[in-house]
C-alpha atoms as a PDB file:
ATOM      1  CA  MET A   1      48.038 -24.234  19.553  1.00  0.00           C
ATOM      2  CA  PRO A   2      47.720 -27.369  17.380  1.00  0.00           C
ATOM      3  CA  ASN A   3      50.226 -28.990  19.723  1.00  0.00           C
ATOM      4  CA  LEU A   4      47.812 -28.647  22.658  1.00  0.00           C
ATOM      5  CA  MET A   5      44.945 -30.093  20.638  1.00  0.00           C
ATOM      6  CA  LEU A   6      47.069 -33.062  19.638  1.00  0.00           C
ATOM      7  CA  GLN A   7      47.984 -33.769  23.260  1.00  0.00           C
ATOM      8  CA  ALA A   8      44.345 -33.485  24.299  1.00  0.00           C
ATOM      9  CA  VAL A   9      43.353 -36.080  21.700  1.00  0.00           C
ATOM     10  CA  TYR A  10      46.255 -38.357  22.659  1.00  0.00           C
ATOM     11  CA  PHE A  11      45.598 -38.121  26.400  1.00  0.00           C
ATOM     12  CA  GLY A  12      41.902 -38.769  25.840  1.00  0.00           C
ATOM     13  CA  ALA A  13      42.628 -41.810  23.680  1.00  0.00           C
ATOM     14  CA  VAL A  14      44.928 -43.495  26.188  1.00  0.00           C
ATOM     15  CA  GLY A  15      42.927 -42.424  29.240  1.00  0.00           C
ATOM     16  CA  ILE A  16      45.400 -40.123  30.988  1.00  0.00           C
ATOM     17  CA  LYS A  17      43.485 -37.972  33.452  1.00  0.00           C
ATOM     18  CA  ASN A  18      46.214 -36.044  35.334  1.00  0.00           C
ATOM     19  CA  THR A  19      47.985 -33.799  32.826  1.00  0.00           C
ATOM     20  CA  ARG A  20      49.150 -31.167  35.305  1.00  0.00           C
ATOM     21  CA  TYR A  21      52.860 -31.309  34.479  1.00  0.00           C
ATOM     22  CA  ALA A  22      52.724 -33.086  31.135  1.00  0.00           C
ATOM     23  CA  ILE A  23      51.467 -30.140  29.067  1.00  0.00           C
ATOM     24  CA  SER A  24      53.959 -27.649  30.521  1.00  0.00           C
ATOM     25  CA  THR A  25      56.818 -30.125  30.081  1.00  0.00           C
ATOM     26  CA  MET A  26      55.866 -30.694  26.439  1.00  0.00           C
ATOM     27  CA  LEU A  27      55.707 -26.959  25.747  1.00  0.00           C
ATOM     28  CA  ILE A  28      59.137 -26.445  27.345  1.00  0.00           C
ATOM     29  CA  ALA A  29      60.520 -29.296  25.219  1.00  0.00           C
ATOM     30  CA  ASP A  30      59.087 -27.641  22.088  1.00  0.00           C
ATOM     31  CA  LEU A  31      60.699 -24.332  23.042  1.00  0.00           C
ATOM     32  CA  VAL A  32      64.074 -25.997  23.654  1.00  0.00           C
ATOM     33  CA  GLY A  33      63.826 -27.729  20.263  1.00  0.00           C
ATOM     34  CA  ILE A  34      63.068 -24.474  18.466  1.00  0.00           C
ATOM     35  CA  ILE A  35      65.922 -22.620  20.178  1.00  0.00           C
ATOM     36  CA  THR A  36      68.331 -25.488  19.484  1.00  0.00           C
ATOM     37  CA  SER A  37      67.395 -25.589  15.794  1.00  0.00           C
ATOM     38  CA  ILE A  38      67.926 -21.829  15.460  1.00  0.00           C
ATOM     39  CA  LEU A  39      71.341 -22.057  17.134  1.00  0.00           C
ATOM     40  CA  LEU A  40      72.385 -24.991  14.935  1.00  0.00           C
ATOM     41  CA  CYS A  41      71.361 -23.093  11.802  1.00  0.00           C
ATOM     42  CA  TYR A  42      73.553 -20.168  12.873  1.00  0.00           C
ATOM     43  CA  LEU A  43      76.396 -22.609  13.632  1.00  0.00           C
ATOM     44  CA  PHE A  44      76.234 -24.365  10.252  1.00  0.00           C
ATOM     45  CA  PHE A  45      75.248 -21.507   7.959  1.00  0.00           C
ATOM     46  CA  GLY A  46      76.677 -18.502   9.746  1.00  0.00           C
ATOM     47  CA  ASN A  47      75.189 -15.029   9.645  1.00  0.00           C
ATOM     48  CA  ALA A  48      74.713 -15.044   5.874  1.00  0.00           C
END
């Protein structure tokens, strides 16, 4: 949820009005980053 508040402040500061696809794209990018970090931890550290 803090991520959405940060984007709202950023978009308001720079004057972006149409955020239709931006928010969903940012949330998908966050999800991909989380999944990638989990997979890399399993790759480097194993199932210990």
